[in-house]
Amino acid sequence: MTSTTQTDYPEHIDAAVLKIAGVVVLGAIMSILDITVVNVALPTFQAEFGSGGHEIAYSHVAWTVTAYTLALATVIPMAGWAADRFGTKRLYLTAILLFTLGSALCATATSIDMLIAFRVLQGLGGGMLMPLGMTIMTRAAGPHRMGRLMAILGVPMLLGPILGPILGGLLIQQASWHWIFLINVPLGATALVYASKVLAKDTPEPSESFDFLGMALMSPGLALFLFGVSSLPQEGGDFGAPRVWVSMLVGAVLMLAFVWHSFRPEHPLLDLRLFKNRNLTVSVITMFMFAAAFFGGLLLVPTYFQQIRGESTLHAGLLVAPQGLGAMLTMPIAGRLVDKMPVGRIAPVGIALIVVGMFGLTQIDEHTSYAVLIPMLVVMGMGMGSTMMPLFTSALKTLTAHEVARGSTLVNITQQISSSVGVATMSVLLTNHLNDSPVVPGTESAGGGGGITEAGAAILSNTRPEVFARLGVDPAYVARGLTDAASAFAQTYWVAWVLVALTLVPALLLPRRREVTHLLDDEGQPPVVVH
């Protein structure tokens, strides 16, 4: 992309730059809120798209999150090439339009598969908003004012995990699930008008070629592999089912072909040659394990509050908010410390906090006190806020100037892919544990063939009491089922906890001495943090 370093920029942030920052913040708010707002809606999707007393499997509805993050990962590496090819302003307006159109279509979905498909379209737009927004801000402000503008852009990044679940819960409770998507329509329309007036026209300057073959291998390969994994609960945990093993095999072959292909073109989709840098390799491994465990586990928290504790969607959102507050406390501190201390002395502390907090979630049952749960969520949030930015910085810190943009893309995609893997894995584990609960006698017809399990009946009594009342299930089954269901969450958290604990191994290999950074070299592109 065109360098900004040859332009003389004033020291103060003037009104013109603030207007452009407003465009970028509005786009960031839409994209980031939509990542968190859907988490609280998953139990609602299970019920709304199910039939009778048979709810859709949690591993299935979790694809509304997985599909969105996979779409984000698909378009992140395209953003720079497409901006040079078509123009940054034109592409940014297209991204807003795609996101808004995808949101409107999500609200019209009549089946879970239709909703998942529309979430992909929404993610294709949302995935370009942050990297394009960073490019727009850099060109407008110049590298020497980016620190102050990053503080502005950090506001939606900090508030998203707090406001998203609360907003989602409020809209579902007071209106319907459709409004968690419809609310993006007026926001998107406003952003389109605002951006079209404020952003200056730019001249497209086609640069390097784009690796379309790499994209055609990576995204379908990962999606097929995760689809096979997610199909396990529907196939009774049978890896020999064609739907499972064929999908996983084809996905694995495509991903292996992608790795082989990535070393061939001059400008690959992901520059795997960068893994020759030890710091980047250790940081990416740590990021992958951390994000898979943390974001996969975090997805289950609002579901636990609704299905096990019988909380409303709004109360579930409010109860999840302390995790975001914890992140808000430590993220600014970690951002300042990362310039003064080696990353290897910061990130392990954050991961250790998550280990402590998540251990508390492995002990949950149907009666766990909120006075215990909420502090655990705060501690986990503090750990996340102490981990994300230091890991990102460590990955890029020792790269040469011309490698920073490619390294930024690699780390961002790693985060999105690992989040997708974590969500798919944890949702499958939870679904399998819930399916292990005994079937309530006499519910075979209501349950859609196999019958309703005791855990399923207990969840139904908390989430859809009017449907549960028509089944006439003995309360004794519900009591046992509630214990089984709570145990399913605890067992799933044990897996997430072990993965977080293992993340300490690569984290301890992060640099523990100060190293020279190239992040602010004028010749390099600024790194982009997606979320």
Protein backbone atom coordinates (compact mmCIF):
# COMPACT_ATOMS: atom_id res chain seq x y z
CA MET A 1 0.00 0.00 0.00
CA THR A 2 0.99 3.61 -0.40
CA SER A 3 3.37 4.81 2.28
CA THR A 4 2.30 7.65 4.55
CA THR A 5 5.75 8.63 5.75
CA GLN A 6 6.47 11.24 3.08
CA THR A 7 3.64 13.53 4.21
CA ASP A 8 4.09 16.22 6.86
CA TYR A 9 1.51 15.71 9.61
CA PRO A 10 0.68 18.19 12.38
CA GLU A 11 1.39 17.08 15.91
CA HIS A 12 -2.14 17.64 17.21
CA ILE A 13 -5.14 15.56 16.17
CA ASP A 14 -7.33 17.91 14.15
CA ALA A 15 -11.07 17.75 13.41
CA ALA A 16 -10.59 16.14 10.00
CA VAL A 17 -8.69 13.21 11.51
CA LEU A 18 -11.27 12.85 14.30
CA LYS A 19 -14.05 12.61 11.69
CA ILE A 20 -12.17 9.80 9.94
CA ALA A 21 -11.55 8.12 13.30
CA GLY A 22 -15.31 8.30 13.90
CA VAL A 23 -15.92 6.34 10.68
CA VAL A 24 -13.46 3.66 11.73
CA VAL A 25 -14.81 3.43 15.30
CA LEU A 26 -18.38 3.03 14.00
CA GLY A 27 -17.25 0.18 11.74
CA ALA A 28 -15.31 -1.40 14.61
CA ILE A 29 -18.32 -1.19 16.92
CA MET A 30 -20.50 -3.07 14.42
CA SER A 31 -17.89 -5.78 13.82
CA ILE A 32 -16.76 -6.31 17.43
CA LEU A 33 -20.21 -6.16 19.01
CA ASP A 34 -21.48 -8.76 16.57
CA ILE A 35 -18.80 -11.21 17.70
CA THR A 36 -19.96 -11.05 21.32
CA VAL A 37 -23.68 -10.30 20.95
CA VAL A 38 -24.45 -13.71 19.39
CA ASN A 39 -22.86 -15.72 22.22
CA VAL A 40 -25.77 -15.10 24.54
CA ALA A 41 -28.28 -16.08 21.80
CA LEU A 42 -27.15 -19.68 21.22
CA PRO A 43 -29.67 -21.30 23.62
CA THR A 44 -32.38 -19.20 21.95
CA PHE A 45 -31.33 -20.51 18.54
CA GLN A 46 -31.47 -24.08 19.90
CA ALA A 47 -35.07 -23.57 20.93
CA GLU A 48 -36.33 -21.35 18.11
CA PHE A 49 -35.03 -23.53 15.29
CA GLY A 50 -35.93 -26.80 17.04
CA SER A 51 -39.30 -28.48 17.01
CA GLY A 52 -41.52 -29.55 19.88
CA GLY A 53 -39.38 -30.69 22.77
CA HIS A 54 -36.38 -31.42 20.55
CA GLU A 55 -33.79 -28.64 20.55
CA ILE A 56 -31.03 -28.40 17.96
CA ALA A 57 -27.68 -29.71 19.16
CA TYR A 58 -25.43 -27.08 20.72
CA SER A 59 -22.59 -28.16 18.42
CA HIS A 60 -24.82 -27.26 15.46
CA VAL A 61 -25.92 -23.79 16.58
CA ALA A 62 -22.31 -22.98 17.59
CA TRP A 63 -21.62 -22.80 13.85
CA THR A 64 -23.29 -19.38 13.91
CA VAL A 65 -20.08 -18.32 15.70
CA THR A 66 -17.65 -20.64 13.91
CA ALA A 67 -18.86 -19.66 10.42
CA TYR A 68 -18.51 -15.97 11.25
CA THR A 69 -14.93 -16.29 12.54
CA LEU A 70 -13.92 -18.49 9.60
CA ALA A 71 -15.28 -15.83 7.25
CA LEU A 72 -13.23 -13.23 9.11
CA ALA A 73 -10.12 -15.36 8.66
CA THR A 74 -10.85 -15.70 4.93
CA VAL A 75 -10.98 -12.00 4.12
CA ILE A 76 -8.26 -10.66 6.45
CA PRO A 77 -5.42 -11.47 4.01
CA MET A 78 -7.49 -10.10 1.11
CA ALA A 79 -7.94 -6.65 2.63
CA GLY A 80 -4.55 -5.18 1.70
CA TRP A 81 -4.53 -6.54 -1.86
CA ALA A 82 -8.15 -5.55 -2.52
CA ALA A 83 -7.60 -2.03 -1.13
CA ASP A 84 -4.72 -1.51 -3.56
CA ARG A 85 -6.71 -3.03 -6.42
CA PHE A 86 -10.08 -1.30 -5.93
CA GLY A 87 -9.36 1.64 -3.62
CA THR A 88 -9.61 1.82 0.18
CA LYS A 89 -12.74 3.99 0.33
CA ARG A 90 -14.63 1.92 -2.23
CA LEU A 91 -13.70 -1.32 -0.47
CA TYR A 92 -14.60 0.04 2.98
CA LEU A 93 -18.04 1.06 1.74
CA THR A 94 -18.45 -2.40 0.18
CA ALA A 95 -17.48 -4.03 3.49
CA ILE A 96 -20.09 -2.00 5.38
CA LEU A 97 -22.70 -2.87 2.75
CA LEU A 98 -21.89 -6.60 2.94
CA PHE A 99 -22.01 -6.57 6.72
CA THR A 100 -25.32 -4.68 6.78
CA LEU A 101 -26.87 -6.87 4.09
CA GLY A 102 -25.68 -10.00 5.91
CA SER A 103 -27.21 -8.69 9.15
CA ALA A 104 -30.57 -8.04 7.50
CA LEU A 105 -30.58 -11.50 5.91
CA CYS A 106 -29.69 -13.14 9.26
CA ALA A 107 -32.87 -11.64 10.71
CA THR A 108 -34.93 -13.32 7.95
CA ALA A 109 -33.47 -16.82 8.50
CA THR A 110 -36.07 -19.56 8.92
CA SER A 111 -33.63 -22.39 9.69
CA ILE A 112 -30.35 -22.72 11.52
CA ASP A 113 -28.50 -23.62 8.31
CA MET A 114 -29.85 -20.51 6.61
CA LEU A 115 -28.69 -18.41 9.56
CA ILE A 116 -25.21 -19.95 9.39
CA ALA A 117 -24.98 -19.17 5.65
CA PHE A 118 -25.98 -15.55 6.20
CA ARG A 119 -23.46 -15.27 9.06
CA VAL A 120 -20.76 -16.13 6.51
CA LEU A 121 -21.83 -13.17 4.36
CA GLN A 122 -21.87 -10.96 7.44
CA GLY A 123 -18.37 -12.13 8.38
CA LEU A 124 -17.00 -11.43 4.90
CA GLY A 125 -17.94 -7.78 5.40
CA GLY A 126 -17.00 -7.58 9.07
CA GLY A 127 -13.59 -9.13 8.50
CA MET A 128 -12.50 -6.25 6.27
CA LEU A 129 -13.71 -3.43 8.50
CA MET A 130 -10.87 -3.51 11.05
CA PRO A 131 -7.81 -3.91 8.77
CA LEU A 132 -9.21 -1.38 6.29
CA GLY A 133 -10.06 0.98 9.13
CA MET A 134 -6.48 0.80 10.41
CA THR A 135 -5.16 1.56 6.92
CA ILE A 136 -7.50 4.55 6.59
CA MET A 137 -6.47 5.91 10.00
CA THR A 138 -2.76 5.45 9.30
CA ARG A 139 -2.97 7.33 6.02
CA ALA A 140 -4.96 10.15 7.62
CA ALA A 141 -2.96 10.52 10.84
CA GLY A 142 0.54 9.35 9.98
CA PRO A 143 2.61 6.97 12.10
CA HIS A 144 3.50 9.53 14.78
CA ARG A 145 -0.13 10.10 15.84
CA MET A 146 -1.24 6.47 15.63
CA GLY A 147 -0.70 5.84 19.35
CA ARG A 148 -3.28 8.44 20.35
CA LEU A 149 -5.73 7.27 17.70
CA MET A 150 -5.27 3.65 18.75
CA ALA A 151 -6.52 4.69 22.19
CA ILE A 152 -9.72 5.88 20.47
CA LEU A 153 -10.04 2.65 18.49
CA GLY A 154 -9.41 0.70 21.68
CA VAL A 155 -12.71 1.89 23.17
CA PRO A 156 -14.97 -0.47 21.17
CA MET A 157 -12.40 -3.25 21.62
CA LEU A 158 -12.64 -2.85 25.40
CA LEU A 159 -16.39 -2.25 25.59
CA GLY A 160 -17.40 -4.98 23.10
CA PRO A 161 -17.01 -7.92 25.52
CA ILE A 162 -19.02 -5.98 28.15
CA LEU A 163 -21.82 -4.42 26.11
CA GLY A 164 -22.23 -7.20 23.52
CA PRO A 165 -23.76 -9.87 25.79
CA ILE A 166 -25.86 -7.28 27.64
CA LEU A 167 -27.20 -5.77 24.42
CA GLY A 168 -27.87 -9.23 22.98
CA GLY A 169 -29.70 -10.34 26.11
CA LEU A 170 -31.77 -7.15 26.27
CA LEU A 171 -32.84 -7.31 22.62
CA ILE A 172 -33.79 -10.99 22.81
CA GLN A 173 -35.72 -10.55 26.05
CA GLN A 174 -37.54 -7.34 25.15
CA ALA A 175 -38.08 -7.98 21.42
CA SER A 176 -36.80 -11.15 19.71
CA TRP A 177 -33.55 -12.72 18.52
CA HIS A 178 -34.05 -11.07 15.12
CA TRP A 179 -33.14 -7.70 16.62
CA ILE A 180 -29.57 -8.66 17.48
CA PHE A 181 -29.07 -8.53 13.70
CA LEU A 182 -31.64 -5.88 12.71
CA ILE A 183 -29.95 -3.32 14.96
CA ASN A 184 -27.00 -3.38 12.57
CA VAL A 185 -29.16 -2.13 9.68
CA PRO A 186 -29.58 1.50 10.85
CA LEU A 187 -26.00 1.48 12.14
CA GLY A 188 -24.76 0.23 8.77
CA ALA A 189 -26.84 2.77 6.85
CA THR A 190 -25.46 5.57 9.03
CA ALA A 191 -21.91 4.30 8.56
CA LEU A 192 -22.37 4.16 4.78
CA VAL A 193 -23.55 7.78 4.56
CA TYR A 194 -20.93 8.96 7.06
CA ALA A 195 -18.04 7.17 5.33
CA SER A 196 -19.09 8.27 1.85
CA LYS A 197 -19.01 11.93 2.94
CA VAL A 198 -15.93 11.91 5.20
CA LEU A 199 -13.49 9.58 3.44
CA ALA A 200 -11.52 11.12 0.61
CA LYS A 201 -11.35 9.49 -2.80
CA ASP A 202 -8.24 7.41 -3.31
CA THR A 203 -6.54 6.21 -6.45
CA PRO A 204 -6.22 2.41 -6.74
CA GLU A 205 -2.63 1.32 -7.34
CA PRO A 206 -2.57 -2.47 -8.02
CA SER A 207 0.46 -3.99 -6.33
CA GLU A 208 1.34 -7.61 -5.68
CA SER A 209 -0.75 -10.49 -6.99
CA PHE A 210 -3.22 -12.27 -4.73
CA ASP A 211 -2.97 -15.96 -3.86
CA PHE A 212 -6.45 -17.12 -4.89
CA LEU A 213 -5.38 -20.78 -4.92
CA GLY A 214 -4.19 -20.51 -1.34
CA MET A 215 -7.53 -19.06 -0.28
CA ALA A 216 -9.40 -21.80 -2.17
CA LEU A 217 -7.43 -24.42 -0.22
CA MET A 218 -7.28 -22.93 3.29
CA SER A 219 -10.83 -21.81 4.05
CA PRO A 220 -12.77 -24.79 2.61
CA GLY A 221 -10.22 -27.18 4.10
CA LEU A 222 -10.60 -25.82 7.60
CA ALA A 223 -14.39 -25.53 7.29
CA LEU A 224 -14.74 -29.14 6.09
CA PHE A 225 -12.48 -30.48 8.85
CA LEU A 226 -14.42 -28.62 11.56
CA PHE A 227 -17.73 -29.70 9.99
CA GLY A 228 -16.63 -33.31 10.34
CA VAL A 229 -15.70 -32.75 13.98
CA SER A 230 -19.01 -30.96 14.67
CA SER A 231 -20.96 -33.85 13.10
CA LEU A 232 -19.77 -36.31 15.74
CA PRO A 233 -22.66 -35.73 18.20
CA GLN A 234 -25.29 -36.28 15.47
CA GLU A 235 -23.53 -39.52 14.49
CA GLY A 236 -23.38 -40.81 18.05
CA GLY A 237 -19.64 -40.15 18.36
CA ASP A 238 -18.88 -42.58 15.53
CA PHE A 239 -15.72 -41.51 13.68
CA GLY A 240 -16.53 -44.19 11.08
CA ALA A 241 -19.65 -42.35 9.90
CA PRO A 242 -19.08 -41.08 6.32
CA ARG A 243 -20.29 -37.60 7.24
CA VAL A 244 -17.51 -37.43 9.85
CA TRP A 245 -14.50 -39.13 8.33
CA VAL A 246 -15.01 -38.01 4.73
CA SER A 247 -15.34 -34.36 5.76
CA MET A 248 -12.34 -34.55 8.08
CA LEU A 249 -10.20 -36.37 5.49
CA VAL A 250 -11.00 -34.00 2.63
CA GLY A 251 -10.47 -31.02 4.94
CA ALA A 252 -7.12 -32.35 6.14
CA VAL A 253 -5.95 -33.01 2.56
CA LEU A 254 -6.90 -29.47 1.51
CA MET A 255 -5.06 -27.98 4.49
CA LEU A 256 -1.94 -30.04 3.80
CA ALA A 257 -2.10 -28.94 0.16
CA PHE A 258 -2.34 -25.34 1.38
CA VAL A 259 0.82 -25.73 3.50
CA TRP A 260 2.69 -27.27 0.55
CA HIS A 261 1.46 -24.54 -1.80
CA SER A 262 2.34 -21.68 0.60
CA PHE A 263 6.08 -22.09 -0.01
CA ARG A 264 5.74 -21.75 -3.78
CA PRO A 265 4.36 -18.28 -4.76
CA GLU A 266 6.27 -15.07 -4.08
CA HIS A 267 3.28 -13.59 -2.24
CA PRO A 268 1.37 -16.47 -0.58
CA LEU A 269 -1.89 -16.04 1.29
CA LEU A 270 0.00 -16.76 4.53
CA ASP A 271 3.76 -16.41 4.51
CA LEU A 272 4.73 -19.56 6.41
CA ARG A 273 8.40 -18.73 5.76
CA LEU A 274 8.10 -16.29 8.66
CA PHE A 275 8.10 -19.26 11.03
CA LYS A 276 11.88 -19.23 10.68
CA ASN A 277 11.67 -16.42 13.24
CA ARG A 278 11.71 -18.08 16.66
CA ASN A 279 9.79 -15.30 18.44
CA LEU A 280 6.97 -15.37 15.93
CA THR A 281 6.75 -19.19 16.01
CA VAL A 282 6.56 -19.38 19.81
CA SER A 283 4.08 -16.50 19.95
CA VAL A 284 1.81 -18.04 17.29
CA ILE A 285 1.80 -21.43 19.04
CA THR A 286 0.97 -19.73 22.34
CA MET A 287 -1.73 -17.61 20.67
CA PHE A 288 -3.34 -20.65 19.03
CA MET A 289 -3.55 -22.70 22.23
CA PHE A 290 -4.65 -19.74 24.36
CA ALA A 291 -7.35 -18.49 21.97
CA ALA A 292 -8.79 -21.97 21.33
CA ALA A 293 -9.16 -22.68 25.05
CA PHE A 294 -10.23 -19.21 26.16
CA PHE A 295 -12.73 -18.29 23.45
CA GLY A 296 -14.04 -21.85 23.18
CA GLY A 297 -14.62 -21.95 26.94
CA LEU A 298 -16.00 -18.42 27.14
CA LEU A 299 -18.74 -19.31 24.65
CA LEU A 300 -20.24 -21.74 27.16
CA VAL A 301 -20.61 -19.26 30.04
CA PRO A 302 -23.86 -17.49 29.00
CA THR A 303 -25.28 -20.88 27.97
CA TYR A 304 -24.58 -22.27 31.48
CA PHE A 305 -26.37 -19.33 33.08
CA GLN A 306 -29.45 -19.82 30.90
CA GLN A 307 -29.71 -23.60 30.67
CA ILE A 308 -28.49 -24.65 34.12
CA ARG A 309 -29.39 -21.68 36.31
CA GLY A 310 -32.56 -20.66 34.46
CA GLU A 311 -31.45 -17.05 33.96
CA SER A 312 -33.02 -14.85 31.28
CA THR A 313 -30.95 -13.77 28.30
CA LEU A 314 -30.52 -10.28 29.81
CA HIS A 315 -29.39 -11.60 33.18
CA ALA A 316 -27.01 -14.02 31.44
CA GLY A 317 -25.50 -11.10 29.52
CA LEU A 318 -25.11 -9.08 32.71
CA LEU A 319 -23.47 -12.02 34.47
CA VAL A 320 -20.95 -12.45 31.62
CA ALA A 321 -20.05 -8.74 31.61
CA PRO A 322 -17.55 -9.01 34.54
CA GLN A 323 -15.20 -10.89 32.22
CA GLY A 324 -15.07 -7.82 29.98
CA LEU A 325 -14.54 -5.58 33.00
CA GLY A 326 -11.53 -7.68 33.99
CA ALA A 327 -10.07 -7.27 30.52
CA MET A 328 -10.68 -3.52 30.68
CA LEU A 329 -8.63 -3.32 33.89
CA THR A 330 -5.51 -5.04 32.59
CA MET A 331 -5.41 -4.38 28.83
CA PRO A 332 -4.23 -0.74 29.13
CA ILE A 333 -1.65 -1.74 31.75
CA ALA A 334 -0.31 -4.56 29.57
CA GLY A 335 -0.16 -2.17 26.63
CA ARG A 336 2.11 0.16 28.61
CA LEU A 337 4.23 -2.60 30.12
CA VAL A 338 4.93 -4.25 26.78
CA ASP A 339 7.13 -1.27 25.81
CA LYS A 340 9.09 -1.46 29.06
CA MET A 341 9.37 -5.16 29.86
CA PRO A 342 10.11 -8.35 27.90
CA VAL A 343 6.93 -10.07 26.71
CA GLY A 344 8.05 -13.29 28.39
CA ARG A 345 7.53 -11.62 31.76
CA ILE A 346 3.99 -10.40 30.97
CA ALA A 347 2.08 -13.00 28.93
CA PRO A 348 2.78 -15.97 31.27
CA VAL A 349 1.26 -13.99 34.14
CA GLY A 350 -1.89 -13.40 32.08
CA ILE A 351 -2.15 -17.06 31.15
CA ALA A 352 -1.62 -18.05 34.78
CA LEU A 353 -4.57 -15.82 35.74
CA ILE A 354 -6.73 -17.62 33.17
CA VAL A 355 -5.58 -20.98 34.57
CA VAL A 356 -6.72 -19.88 38.04
CA GLY A 357 -10.04 -18.46 36.83
CA MET A 358 -10.92 -21.36 34.57
CA PHE A 359 -10.12 -23.87 37.32
CA GLY A 360 -13.03 -22.34 39.21
CA LEU A 361 -15.30 -23.14 36.23
CA THR A 362 -14.22 -26.80 36.32
CA GLN A 363 -15.86 -27.01 39.75
CA ILE A 364 -19.27 -25.68 38.78
CA ASP A 365 -22.51 -27.50 39.47
CA GLU A 366 -26.17 -26.55 39.43
CA HIS A 367 -25.86 -24.63 42.73
CA THR A 368 -22.47 -22.90 42.47
CA SER A 369 -22.64 -19.49 44.15
CA TYR A 370 -22.46 -16.45 41.92
CA ALA A 371 -20.15 -14.97 44.56
CA VAL A 372 -17.65 -17.59 43.36
CA LEU A 373 -18.44 -17.55 39.63
CA ILE A 374 -18.28 -13.81 39.04
CA PRO A 375 -14.80 -13.30 40.59
CA MET A 376 -13.57 -16.23 38.47
CA LEU A 377 -14.84 -14.49 35.33
CA VAL A 378 -13.15 -11.24 36.38
CA VAL A 379 -9.85 -13.09 36.89
CA MET A 380 -10.18 -14.75 33.47
CA GLY A 381 -10.86 -11.37 31.88
CA MET A 382 -7.82 -9.88 33.59
CA GLY A 383 -5.77 -12.76 32.20
CA MET A 384 -7.08 -12.22 28.68
CA GLY A 385 -6.32 -8.49 28.86
CA SER A 386 -2.77 -9.29 29.96
CA THR A 387 -2.18 -11.85 27.21
CA MET A 388 -3.58 -10.78 23.82
CA MET A 389 -1.62 -7.60 23.10
CA PRO A 390 1.72 -8.86 24.53
CA LEU A 391 1.49 -12.01 22.37
CA PHE A 392 0.70 -9.95 19.30
CA THR A 393 3.63 -7.62 20.01
CA SER A 394 6.04 -10.48 20.65
CA ALA A 395 5.13 -12.12 17.36
CA LEU A 396 5.98 -9.00 15.35
CA LYS A 397 8.64 -7.30 17.43
CA THR A 398 11.76 -8.79 15.84
CA LEU A 399 10.49 -8.97 12.25
CA THR A 400 12.12 -6.70 9.71
CA ALA A 401 10.13 -3.70 8.51
CA HIS A 402 8.89 -5.26 5.27
CA GLU A 403 7.78 -8.43 7.12
CA VAL A 404 5.54 -6.71 9.67
CA ALA A 405 2.42 -6.51 7.47
CA ARG A 406 2.65 -10.21 6.54
CA GLY A 407 3.34 -11.14 10.16
CA SER A 408 0.31 -9.13 11.29
CA THR A 409 -1.87 -11.04 8.83
CA LEU A 410 -0.47 -14.37 10.02
CA VAL A 411 -1.11 -13.63 13.70
CA ASN A 412 -4.63 -12.27 13.11
CA ILE A 413 -5.63 -15.29 11.05
CA THR A 414 -4.16 -17.60 13.69
CA GLN A 415 -6.36 -15.93 16.29
CA GLN A 416 -9.52 -16.30 14.20
CA ILE A 417 -8.81 -19.89 13.20
CA SER A 418 -7.95 -20.94 16.75
CA SER A 419 -11.16 -19.30 18.01
CA SER A 420 -13.11 -21.29 15.39
CA VAL A 421 -11.37 -24.51 16.41
CA GLY A 422 -12.00 -23.81 20.10
CA VAL A 423 -15.69 -23.04 19.60
CA ALA A 424 -16.24 -26.14 17.45
CA THR A 425 -14.31 -28.41 19.83
CA MET A 426 -15.88 -27.21 23.09
CA SER A 427 -19.40 -27.26 21.64
CA VAL A 428 -18.90 -30.85 20.42
CA LEU A 429 -17.55 -31.94 23.82
CA LEU A 430 -20.47 -30.32 25.64
CA THR A 431 -23.02 -31.86 23.27
CA ASN A 432 -21.48 -35.33 23.67
CA HIS A 433 -21.51 -35.05 27.48
CA LEU A 434 -25.15 -33.92 27.43
CA ASN A 435 -26.07 -36.82 25.13
CA ASP A 436 -24.58 -39.28 27.63
CA SER A 437 -27.42 -38.53 30.04
CA PRO A 438 -30.09 -41.29 30.22
CA VAL A 439 -33.25 -40.94 28.11
CA VAL A 440 -36.50 -40.14 29.94
CA PRO A 441 -38.90 -43.07 29.41
CA GLY A 442 -41.90 -42.25 27.22
CA THR A 443 -40.34 -39.26 25.44
CA GLU A 444 -39.15 -41.09 22.32
CA SER A 445 -41.70 -39.46 20.02
CA ALA A 446 -41.22 -35.98 21.49
CA GLY A 447 -37.46 -36.21 21.27
CA GLY A 448 -37.33 -36.86 17.57
CA GLY A 449 -36.40 -40.56 17.55
CA GLY A 450 -33.92 -41.12 20.36
CA GLY A 451 -35.99 -39.46 23.03
CA ILE A 452 -35.25 -36.57 25.38
CA THR A 453 -32.41 -37.14 27.80
CA GLU A 454 -32.73 -36.29 31.47
CA ALA A 455 -30.24 -33.47 30.95
CA GLY A 456 -32.26 -32.25 27.96
CA ALA A 457 -35.47 -32.30 30.01
CA ALA A 458 -33.82 -30.30 32.79
CA ILE A 459 -32.53 -27.71 30.31
CA LEU A 460 -35.96 -27.54 28.68
CA SER A 461 -37.57 -26.88 32.08
CA ASN A 462 -35.32 -23.82 32.49
CA THR A 463 -35.39 -22.45 28.95
CA ARG A 464 -38.85 -23.39 27.62
CA PRO A 465 -41.10 -24.19 30.61
CA GLU A 466 -44.28 -24.01 28.51
CA VAL A 467 -43.02 -26.81 26.22
CA PHE A 468 -41.66 -28.80 29.16
CA ALA A 469 -45.03 -28.65 30.95
CA ARG A 470 -46.73 -30.41 28.02
CA LEU A 471 -44.31 -33.36 28.26
CA GLY A 472 -45.41 -34.35 31.77
CA VAL A 473 -41.90 -35.48 32.85
CA ASP A 474 -41.46 -36.75 36.41
CA PRO A 475 -39.62 -34.08 38.51
CA ALA A 476 -37.18 -36.77 39.70
CA TYR A 477 -35.80 -37.07 36.17
CA VAL A 478 -35.37 -33.29 36.01
CA ALA A 479 -33.38 -33.17 39.24
CA ARG A 480 -31.00 -35.88 38.05
CA GLY A 481 -30.83 -34.28 34.61
CA LEU A 482 -29.87 -30.90 36.02
CA THR A 483 -26.95 -32.52 37.84
CA ASP A 484 -25.93 -34.32 34.64
CA ALA A 485 -26.16 -31.11 32.60
CA ALA A 486 -24.08 -29.10 35.07
CA SER A 487 -21.53 -31.91 35.11
CA ALA A 488 -21.36 -31.76 31.29
CA PHE A 489 -20.31 -28.11 31.49
CA ALA A 490 -17.75 -28.84 34.20
CA GLN A 491 -16.24 -31.74 32.22
CA THR A 492 -15.95 -29.55 29.12
CA TYR A 493 -14.20 -26.87 31.17
CA TRP A 494 -11.69 -29.44 32.37
CA VAL A 495 -10.58 -29.89 28.75
CA ALA A 496 -10.33 -26.12 28.25
CA TRP A 497 -8.41 -25.80 31.54
CA VAL A 498 -5.87 -28.46 30.55
CA LEU A 499 -5.30 -26.69 27.24
CA VAL A 500 -4.79 -23.33 28.97
CA ALA A 501 -2.41 -24.93 31.47
CA LEU A 502 -0.41 -26.48 28.61
CA THR A 503 -0.22 -23.02 27.02
CA LEU A 504 2.15 -22.06 29.83
CA VAL A 505 4.80 -24.31 28.23
CA PRO A 506 5.29 -22.24 25.03
CA ALA A 507 4.56 -19.04 26.98
CA LEU A 508 7.61 -19.67 29.16
CA LEU A 509 9.71 -19.81 25.99
CA LEU A 510 8.76 -16.24 25.06
CA PRO A 511 11.62 -13.68 25.19
CA ARG A 512 12.60 -12.75 28.73
CA ARG A 513 15.14 -10.15 27.65
CA ARG A 514 14.51 -6.84 25.91
CA GLU A 515 14.86 -6.97 22.15
CA VAL A 516 15.08 -4.38 19.42
CA THR A 517 11.70 -3.67 17.84
CA HIS A 518 10.98 -2.89 14.18
CA LEU A 519 7.28 -2.19 14.63
CA LEU A 520 7.70 1.57 14.29
CA ASP A 521 10.08 1.54 11.36
CA ASP A 522 8.81 4.10 8.87
CA GLU A 523 9.30 1.67 6.02
CA GLY A 524 6.90 -0.91 7.43
CA GLN A 525 3.14 -1.19 7.45
CA PRO A 526 1.47 -0.84 10.86
CA PRO A 527 0.26 -4.06 12.45
CA VAL A 528 -3.48 -4.58 12.61
CA VAL A 529 -5.22 -6.12 15.60
CA VAL A 530 -8.59 -7.51 14.53
CA HIS A 531 -10.11 -8.20 17.93
